[in-house]
C-alpha atoms as a PDB file:
ATOM      1  CA  UNK A   1     -39.834  66.699   9.440  1.00  0.00           C
ATOM      2  CA  UNK A   2     -41.319  66.782  12.915  1.00  0.00           C
ATOM      3  CA  UNK A   3     -40.000  65.558  16.251  1.00  0.00           C
ATOM      4  CA  UNK A   4     -41.959  62.329  15.662  1.00  0.00           C
ATOM      5  CA  UNK A   5     -39.853  61.660  12.530  1.00  0.00           C
ATOM      6  CA  UNK A   6     -36.467  61.901  14.263  1.00  0.00           C
ATOM      7  CA  UNK A   7     -36.017  58.243  15.284  1.00  0.00           C
ATOM      8  CA  UNK A   8     -36.929  57.095  11.786  1.00  0.00           C
ATOM      9  CA  UNK A   9     -34.541  59.617  10.210  1.00  0.00           C
ATOM     10  CA  UNK A  10     -31.747  58.374  12.464  1.00  0.00           C
ATOM     11  CA  UNK A  11     -32.436  54.770  11.485  1.00  0.00           C
ATOM     12  CA  UNK A  12     -32.485  55.913   7.849  1.00  0.00           C
ATOM     13  CA  UNK A  13     -28.900  57.275   8.238  1.00  0.00           C
ATOM     14  CA  UNK A  14     -27.684  53.825   9.403  1.00  0.00           C
ATOM     15  CA  UNK A  15     -29.406  52.044   6.487  1.00  0.00           C
ATOM     16  CA  UNK A  16     -28.188  54.484   3.825  1.00  0.00           C
ATOM     17  CA  UNK A  17     -24.621  54.868   5.153  1.00  0.00           C
ATOM     18  CA  UNK A  18     -23.513  51.478   6.602  1.00  0.00           C
ATOM     19  CA  UNK A  19     -19.945  50.643   7.665  1.00  0.00           C
ATOM     20  CA  UNK A  20     -17.249  51.408   6.635  1.00  0.00           C
ATOM     21  CA  UNK A  21     -18.960  54.842   6.607  1.00  0.00           C
ATOM     22  CA  UNK A  22     -18.392  56.180  10.097  1.00  0.00           C
ATOM     23  CA  UNK A  23     -21.452  56.576  12.335  1.00  0.00           C
ATOM     24  CA  UNK A  24     -19.697  59.654  13.698  1.00  0.00           C
ATOM     25  CA  UNK A  25     -20.723  61.347  10.460  1.00  0.00           C
ATOM     26  CA  UNK A  26     -24.406  60.487  10.817  1.00  0.00           C
ATOM     27  CA  UNK A  27     -27.001  62.892  12.116  1.00  0.00           C
ATOM     28  CA  UNK A  28     -27.879  62.003  15.685  1.00  0.00           C
ATOM     29  CA  UNK A  29     -31.270  62.596  17.284  1.00  0.00           C
ATOM     30  CA  UNK A  30     -29.898  65.680  19.062  1.00  0.00           C
ATOM     31  CA  UNK A  31     -28.704  67.178  15.789  1.00  0.00           C
ATOM     32  CA  UNK A  32     -32.039  66.670  13.988  1.00  0.00           C
ATOM     33  CA  UNK A  33     -33.916  68.079  17.034  1.00  0.00           C
ATOM     34  CA  UNK A  34     -31.799  71.199  16.763  1.00  0.00           C
ATOM     35  CA  UNK A  35     -32.409  71.479  13.018  1.00  0.00           C
ATOM     36  CA  UNK A  36     -36.151  71.388  13.629  1.00  0.00           C
ATOM     37  CA  UNK A  37     -35.845  73.983  16.442  1.00  0.00           C
ATOM     38  CA  UNK A  38     -33.874  76.547  14.420  1.00  0.00           C
ATOM     39  CA  UNK A  39     -35.287  75.960  10.910  1.00  0.00           C
ATOM     40  CA  UNK A  40     -38.417  73.720  10.966  1.00  0.00           C
ATOM     41  CA  UNK A  41     -39.532  74.729   7.460  1.00  0.00           C
ATOM     42  CA  UNK A  42     -36.177  73.578   6.005  1.00  0.00           C
ATOM     43  CA  UNK A  43     -36.177  69.961   7.229  1.00  0.00           C
ATOM     44  CA  UNK A  44     -38.107  67.434   5.140  1.00  0.00           C
ATOM     45  CA  UNK A  45     -38.836  63.720   4.977  1.00  0.00           C
ATOM     46  CA  UNK A  46     -40.243  61.299   2.428  1.00  0.00           C
ATOM     47  CA  UNK A  47     -42.584  58.665   3.924  1.00  0.00           C
ATOM     48  CA  UNK A  48     -43.734  55.396   2.488  1.00  0.00           C
ATOM     49  CA  UNK A  49     -46.207  53.097   4.406  1.00  0.00           C
ATOM     50  CA  UNK A  50     -45.350  54.925   7.641  1.00  0.00           C
ATOM     51  CA  UNK A  51     -41.617  54.570   7.255  1.00  0.00           C
ATOM     52  CA  UNK A  52     -39.113  57.404   6.658  1.00  0.00           C
ATOM     53  CA  UNK A  53     -37.440  56.525   3.355  1.00  0.00           C
ATOM     54  CA  UNK A  54     -35.799  59.884   2.700  1.00  0.00           C
ATOM     55  CA  UNK A  55     -34.657  62.941   4.592  1.00  0.00           C
ATOM     56  CA  UNK A  56     -33.345  66.372   3.613  1.00  0.00           C
ATOM     57  CA  UNK A  57     -31.599  68.856   5.887  1.00  0.00           C
ATOM     58  CA  UNK A  58     -30.949  72.527   5.092  1.00  0.00           C
ATOM     59  CA  UNK A  59     -29.988  75.814   6.686  1.00  0.00           C
ATOM     60  CA  UNK A  60     -29.691  79.432   5.596  1.00  0.00           C
ATOM     61  CA  UNK A  61     -26.329  81.158   5.639  1.00  0.00           C
ATOM     62  CA  UNK A  62     -25.158  84.727   5.144  1.00  0.00           C
ATOM     63  CA  UNK A  63     -23.741  86.037   1.893  1.00  0.00           C
ATOM     64  CA  UNK A  64     -20.339  86.506   3.543  1.00  0.00           C
ATOM     65  CA  UNK A  65     -20.223  82.856   4.635  1.00  0.00           C
ATOM     66  CA  UNK A  66     -21.171  81.679   1.106  1.00  0.00           C
ATOM     67  CA  UNK A  67     -18.493  83.925  -0.469  1.00  0.00           C
ATOM     68  CA  UNK A  68     -15.828  82.727   2.018  1.00  0.00           C
ATOM     69  CA  UNK A  69     -16.168  79.122   0.757  1.00  0.00           C
ATOM     70  CA  UNK A  70     -14.856  77.705   4.027  1.00  0.00           C
ATOM     71  CA  UNK A  71     -15.023  74.290   5.512  1.00  0.00           C
ATOM     72  CA  UNK A  72     -18.392  72.684   6.233  1.00  0.00           C
ATOM     73  CA  UNK A  73     -18.043  73.369   9.961  1.00  0.00           C
ATOM     74  CA  UNK A  74     -17.103  77.006   9.522  1.00  0.00           C
ATOM     75  CA  UNK A  75     -19.842  77.546   6.971  1.00  0.00           C
ATOM     76  CA  UNK A  76     -22.801  76.054   8.823  1.00  0.00           C
ATOM     77  CA  UNK A  77     -21.512  75.983  12.387  1.00  0.00           C
ATOM     78  CA  UNK A  78     -21.224  72.233  12.733  1.00  0.00           C
ATOM     79  CA  UNK A  79     -24.033  69.691  13.155  1.00  0.00           C
ATOM     80  CA  UNK A  80     -26.005  72.045  15.413  1.00  0.00           C
ATOM     81  CA  UNK A  81     -26.146  74.696  12.684  1.00  0.00           C
ATOM     82  CA  UNK A  82     -24.755  77.523  14.822  1.00  0.00           C
ATOM     83  CA  UNK A  83     -24.296  79.733  11.713  1.00  0.00           C
ATOM     84  CA  UNK A  84     -27.921  79.371  10.542  1.00  0.00           C
ATOM     85  CA  UNK A  85     -29.485  82.786   9.878  1.00  0.00           C
ATOM     86  CA  UNK A  86     -32.922  83.594   8.598  1.00  0.00           C
ATOM     87  CA  UNK A  87     -31.475  86.892   7.332  1.00  0.00           C
ATOM     88  CA  UNK A  88     -29.075  85.078   5.052  1.00  0.00           C
ATOM     89  CA  UNK A  89     -29.108  84.891   1.251  1.00  0.00           C
ATOM     90  CA  UNK A  90     -28.348  81.196   0.600  1.00  0.00           C
ATOM     91  CA  UNK A  91     -30.344  78.048   1.257  1.00  0.00           C
ATOM     92  CA  UNK A  92     -27.459  75.712   2.047  1.00  0.00           C
ATOM     93  CA  UNK A  93     -27.969  72.013   1.427  1.00  0.00           C
ATOM     94  CA  UNK A  94     -26.599  69.878   4.247  1.00  0.00           C
ATOM     95  CA  UNK A  95     -27.751  66.392   3.375  1.00  0.00           C
ATOM     96  CA  UNK A  96     -30.074  64.250   1.360  1.00  0.00           C
ATOM     97  CA  UNK A  97     -30.473  60.646   2.528  1.00  0.00           C
ATOM     98  CA  UNK A  98     -32.534  58.037   0.633  1.00  0.00           C
ATOM     99  CA  UNK A  99     -33.026  54.474   1.754  1.00  0.00           C
ATOM    100  CA  UNK A 100     -31.161  52.050  -0.557  1.00  0.00           C
ATOM    101  CA  UNK A 101     -34.424  50.247  -1.394  1.00  0.00           C
ATOM    102  CA  UNK A 102     -36.021  53.515  -2.575  1.00  0.00           C
ATOM    103  CA  UNK A 103     -33.319  55.020  -4.671  1.00  0.00           C
ATOM    104  CA  UNK A 104     -33.847  55.944  -8.327  1.00  0.00           C
ATOM    105  CA  UNK A 105     -37.547  56.628  -7.679  1.00  0.00           C
ATOM    106  CA  UNK A 106     -37.410  60.442  -7.732  1.00  0.00           C
ATOM    107  CA  UNK A 107     -37.108  61.154  -4.015  1.00  0.00           C
ATOM    108  CA  UNK A 108     -33.858  63.086  -4.382  1.00  0.00           C
ATOM    109  CA  UNK A 109     -35.213  65.030  -7.325  1.00  0.00           C
ATOM    110  CA  UNK A 110     -38.363  65.864  -5.299  1.00  0.00           C
ATOM    111  CA  UNK A 111     -36.205  67.183  -2.436  1.00  0.00           C
ATOM    112  CA  UNK A 112     -34.256  69.389  -4.915  1.00  0.00           C
ATOM    113  CA  UNK A 113     -37.509  70.712  -6.397  1.00  0.00           C
ATOM    114  CA  UNK A 114     -38.560  71.612  -2.857  1.00  0.00           C
ATOM    115  CA  UNK A 115     -35.228  73.364  -2.250  1.00  0.00           C
ATOM    116  CA  UNK A 116     -35.538  75.388  -5.433  1.00  0.00           C
ATOM    117  CA  UNK A 117     -39.122  76.275  -4.591  1.00  0.00           C
ATOM    118  CA  UNK A 118     -38.061  77.504  -1.141  1.00  0.00           C
ATOM    119  CA  UNK A 119     -35.412  79.762  -2.718  1.00  0.00           C
ATOM    120  CA  UNK A 120     -37.957  81.245  -5.109  1.00  0.00           C
ATOM    121  CA  UNK A 121     -40.791  81.715  -2.587  1.00  0.00           C
ATOM    122  CA  UNK A 122     -38.462  83.309   0.007  1.00  0.00           C
ATOM    123  CA  UNK A 123     -36.565  85.561  -2.441  1.00  0.00           C
ATOM    124  CA  UNK A 124     -33.203  84.063  -1.580  1.00  0.00           C
ATOM    125  CA  UNK A 125     -30.204  84.642  -3.856  1.00  0.00           C
ATOM    126  CA  UNK A 126     -29.344  81.003  -4.393  1.00  0.00           C
ATOM    127  CA  UNK A 127     -29.340  77.374  -3.361  1.00  0.00           C
ATOM    128  CA  UNK A 128     -25.770  76.297  -2.686  1.00  0.00           C
ATOM    129  CA  UNK A 129     -23.822  73.427  -1.279  1.00  0.00           C
ATOM    130  CA  UNK A 130     -20.480  71.826  -0.953  1.00  0.00           C
ATOM    131  CA  UNK A 131     -20.777  68.554  -2.858  1.00  0.00           C
ATOM    132  CA  UNK A 132     -18.813  65.402  -2.155  1.00  0.00           C
ATOM    133  CA  UNK A 133     -16.738  64.116  -5.098  1.00  0.00           C
ATOM    134  CA  UNK A 134     -16.470  60.460  -4.021  1.00  0.00           C
ATOM    135  CA  UNK A 135     -15.058  59.133  -7.304  1.00  0.00           C
ATOM    136  CA  UNK A 136     -12.111  61.512  -7.236  1.00  0.00           C
ATOM    137  CA  UNK A 137      -9.535  59.349  -5.411  1.00  0.00           C
ATOM    138  CA  UNK A 138     -10.164  56.316  -7.701  1.00  0.00           C
ATOM    139  CA  UNK A 139     -10.162  58.526 -10.854  1.00  0.00           C
ATOM    140  CA  UNK A 140      -6.413  58.846 -11.246  1.00  0.00           C
ATOM    141  CA  UNK A 141      -6.832  62.583 -12.002  1.00  0.00           C
ATOM    142  CA  UNK A 142      -4.078  64.589 -10.374  1.00  0.00           C
ATOM    143  CA  UNK A 143      -6.087  67.428  -8.687  1.00  0.00           C
ATOM    144  CA  UNK A 144      -9.616  67.989  -7.480  1.00  0.00           C
ATOM    145  CA  UNK A 145      -9.814  71.077  -9.674  1.00  0.00           C
ATOM    146  CA  UNK A 146      -9.000  69.133 -12.831  1.00  0.00           C
ATOM    147  CA  UNK A 147     -11.342  66.305 -11.802  1.00  0.00           C
ATOM    148  CA  UNK A 148     -14.278  68.648 -11.090  1.00  0.00           C
ATOM    149  CA  UNK A 149     -13.738  70.509 -14.345  1.00  0.00           C
ATOM    150  CA  UNK A 150     -13.840  67.185 -16.288  1.00  0.00           C
ATOM    151  CA  UNK A 151     -17.068  66.218 -14.486  1.00  0.00           C
ATOM    152  CA  UNK A 152     -18.538  69.701 -15.060  1.00  0.00           C
ATOM    153  CA  UNK A 153     -18.030  69.436 -18.841  1.00  0.00           C
ATOM    154  CA  UNK A 154     -19.297  65.831 -18.975  1.00  0.00           C
ATOM    155  CA  UNK A 155     -15.961  64.167 -19.744  1.00  0.00           C
ATOM    156  CA  UNK A 156     -16.118  62.176 -16.475  1.00  0.00           C
ATOM    157  CA  UNK A 157     -18.899  61.020 -14.188  1.00  0.00           C
ATOM    158  CA  UNK A 158     -19.040  61.369 -10.448  1.00  0.00           C
ATOM    159  CA  UNK A 159     -21.812  59.498  -8.594  1.00  0.00           C
ATOM    160  CA  UNK A 160     -22.649  62.556  -6.484  1.00  0.00           C
ATOM    161  CA  UNK A 161     -21.695  65.591  -8.533  1.00  0.00           C
ATOM    162  CA  UNK A 162     -22.917  64.476 -11.940  1.00  0.00           C
ATOM    163  CA  UNK A 163     -26.608  64.037 -10.900  1.00  0.00           C
ATOM    164  CA  UNK A 164     -26.613  67.489  -9.284  1.00  0.00           C
ATOM    165  CA  UNK A 165     -25.251  69.131 -12.413  1.00  0.00           C
ATOM    166  CA  UNK A 166     -28.076  67.373 -14.325  1.00  0.00           C
ATOM    167  CA  UNK A 167     -30.569  68.984 -11.940  1.00  0.00           C
ATOM    168  CA  UNK A 168     -29.312  72.481 -12.906  1.00  0.00           C
ATOM    169  CA  UNK A 169     -26.662  73.219 -10.325  1.00  0.00           C
ATOM    170  CA  UNK A 170     -23.532  74.939 -11.646  1.00  0.00           C
ATOM    171  CA  UNK A 171     -19.924  74.206 -10.655  1.00  0.00           C
ATOM    172  CA  UNK A 172     -18.234  77.182  -8.967  1.00  0.00           C
ATOM    173  CA  UNK A 173     -14.884  75.778  -7.771  1.00  0.00           C
ATOM    174  CA  UNK A 174     -13.257  73.442  -5.209  1.00  0.00           C
ATOM    175  CA  UNK A 175     -13.293  73.938  -1.467  1.00  0.00           C
ATOM    176  CA  UNK A 176     -10.202  72.285   0.007  1.00  0.00           C
ATOM    177  CA  UNK A 177     -10.199  70.923   3.604  1.00  0.00           C
ATOM    178  CA  UNK A 178     -14.017  70.930   3.460  1.00  0.00           C
ATOM    179  CA  UNK A 179     -14.461  67.905   5.731  1.00  0.00           C
ATOM    180  CA  UNK A 180     -12.823  64.586   6.494  1.00  0.00           C
ATOM    181  CA  UNK A 181     -13.729  62.561   3.427  1.00  0.00           C
ATOM    182  CA  UNK A 182     -11.061  60.198   2.064  1.00  0.00           C
ATOM    183  CA  UNK A 183     -12.923  59.445  -1.162  1.00  0.00           C
ATOM    184  CA  UNK A 184     -13.069  63.146  -2.023  1.00  0.00           C
ATOM    185  CA  UNK A 185      -9.532  63.952  -0.864  1.00  0.00           C
ATOM    186  CA  UNK A 186     -11.192  66.018   1.925  1.00  0.00           C
ATOM    187  CA  UNK A 187     -12.410  68.491  -0.693  1.00  0.00           C
ATOM    188  CA  UNK A 188     -15.840  69.410  -2.062  1.00  0.00           C
ATOM    189  CA  UNK A 189     -17.142  70.899  -5.335  1.00  0.00           C
ATOM    190  CA  UNK A 190     -18.965  74.194  -4.691  1.00  0.00           C
ATOM    191  CA  UNK A 191     -22.245  74.132  -6.541  1.00  0.00           C
ATOM    192  CA  UNK A 192     -25.014  76.701  -6.813  1.00  0.00           C
ATOM    193  CA  UNK A 193     -28.414  77.134  -8.407  1.00  0.00           C
ATOM    194  CA  UNK A 194     -29.785  80.562  -9.162  1.00  0.00           C
ATOM    195  CA  UNK A 195     -33.553  81.202  -9.489  1.00  0.00           C
END
């Protein structure tokens, strides 16, 4: 991603996450500009016919932040990535956005391949992320831990977590109070991939 891609990436957020998804949760131009400033090699886009049809945001965090398994804001330092550290051990996945008209064409998988390649080529310990579990609330399962365990062993499907498990990420546990996310009960599944 370059500064010239920012307006297209902001428009992509609106197309991919329309209401009732809150625009307050979208990346703004000022956020993406900061991401490029602090970690230009970790911000990527997919382009088709001159249009941004996919974007991928990442930062690097310290081992202590990864092991603390805190909220999204405390882990990455909010949307301006105040906790980003090139001396860290973990490439932390912040977001992948794919335009609805371009889904199921391998863009997300290509971004994950790029993430794994970055971890390998930069000798990082892992790729990690806090993964939304948007099918939890409607599942009828009592706790996020039970739900994530059922998804991890393939007895239930989650539209976000299941595809990431298929790409080789491993379930590590639940992070409560991760971010405001009603569908996930404000929790996230902690996932990691080791090279």
